[in-house]
């Protein structure tokens, strides 16, 4: 009886742990990525004369894409 209970506990523990797994995705350098949640960032802008101003604190909403600088 004891080995059966132990086997059941191990099976339930294994099935429970399989449902709580993390996933890692490797993104190639230079590919755009979609933001999963809102992100606070600092950004620069150009005025009407083309002069760079800033940095300004902004919030980028979830679902927006981040592109590489180059």
Protein backbone atom coordinates (compact mmCIF):
# COMPACT_ATOMS: atom_id res chain seq x y z
CA UNK A 1 0.00 0.00 0.00
CA UNK A 2 2.81 2.42 0.84
CA UNK A 3 4.55 2.17 -2.58
CA UNK A 4 1.22 2.90 -4.31
CA UNK A 5 0.67 6.07 -2.25
CA UNK A 6 4.24 7.17 -2.91
CA UNK A 7 3.81 6.58 -6.65
CA UNK A 8 0.56 8.57 -6.63
CA UNK A 9 2.16 11.49 -4.80
CA UNK A 10 5.08 11.53 -7.27
CA UNK A 11 2.70 11.44 -10.26
CA UNK A 12 0.57 14.29 -8.90
CA UNK A 13 3.68 16.33 -8.11
CA UNK A 14 5.07 15.79 -11.60
CA UNK A 15 1.81 16.77 -13.30
CA UNK A 16 1.48 19.86 -11.11
CA UNK A 17 5.03 21.03 -11.83
CA UNK A 18 4.58 20.60 -15.59
CA UNK A 19 1.80 23.19 -15.58
CA UNK A 20 4.01 25.87 -14.00
CA UNK A 21 6.87 26.06 -16.43
CA UNK A 22 8.72 29.10 -17.74
CA UNK A 23 9.44 29.67 -21.39
CA UNK A 24 12.55 31.40 -22.68
CA UNK A 25 12.61 32.77 -26.21
CA UNK A 26 15.88 33.85 -27.80
CA UNK A 27 15.38 36.85 -30.09
CA UNK A 28 17.91 37.46 -32.84
CA UNK A 29 19.83 40.71 -32.51
CA UNK A 30 18.07 43.42 -34.50
CA UNK A 31 14.57 41.87 -34.50
CA UNK A 32 11.62 43.93 -33.21
CA UNK A 33 9.94 42.71 -30.02
CA UNK A 34 6.43 43.33 -28.67
CA UNK A 35 6.22 44.65 -25.10
CA UNK A 36 4.25 42.33 -22.82
CA UNK A 37 3.50 45.02 -20.24
CA UNK A 38 3.69 48.81 -20.01
CA UNK A 39 7.24 50.04 -19.61
CA UNK A 40 8.56 53.32 -18.22
CA UNK A 41 11.40 54.81 -20.27
CA UNK A 42 13.26 58.02 -21.03
CA UNK A 43 13.01 59.36 -24.57
CA UNK A 44 14.37 62.22 -26.62
CA UNK A 45 12.42 64.28 -29.15
CA UNK A 46 13.20 66.87 -31.81
CA UNK A 47 11.75 70.38 -31.70
CA UNK A 48 10.53 72.29 -34.78
CA UNK A 49 14.09 73.45 -35.50
CA UNK A 50 15.42 69.88 -35.51
CA UNK A 51 17.22 70.28 -32.17
CA UNK A 52 17.16 67.26 -29.86
CA UNK A 53 15.41 67.89 -26.53
CA UNK A 54 14.90 65.70 -23.49
CA UNK A 55 15.15 63.24 -21.97
CA UNK A 56 11.45 62.97 -21.12
CA UNK A 57 9.86 60.31 -18.90
CA UNK A 58 7.30 58.35 -20.92
CA UNK A 59 5.25 55.18 -20.53
CA UNK A 60 5.25 52.85 -23.52
CA UNK A 61 1.99 50.84 -23.54
CA UNK A 62 1.86 47.06 -23.68
CA UNK A 63 1.53 45.71 -27.20
CA UNK A 64 3.80 48.33 -28.78
CA UNK A 65 6.91 47.18 -30.60
CA UNK A 66 10.46 48.07 -29.63
CA UNK A 67 12.87 48.34 -32.55
CA UNK A 68 16.65 48.31 -32.44
CA UNK A 69 18.50 51.60 -32.84
CA UNK A 70 20.60 50.40 -35.78
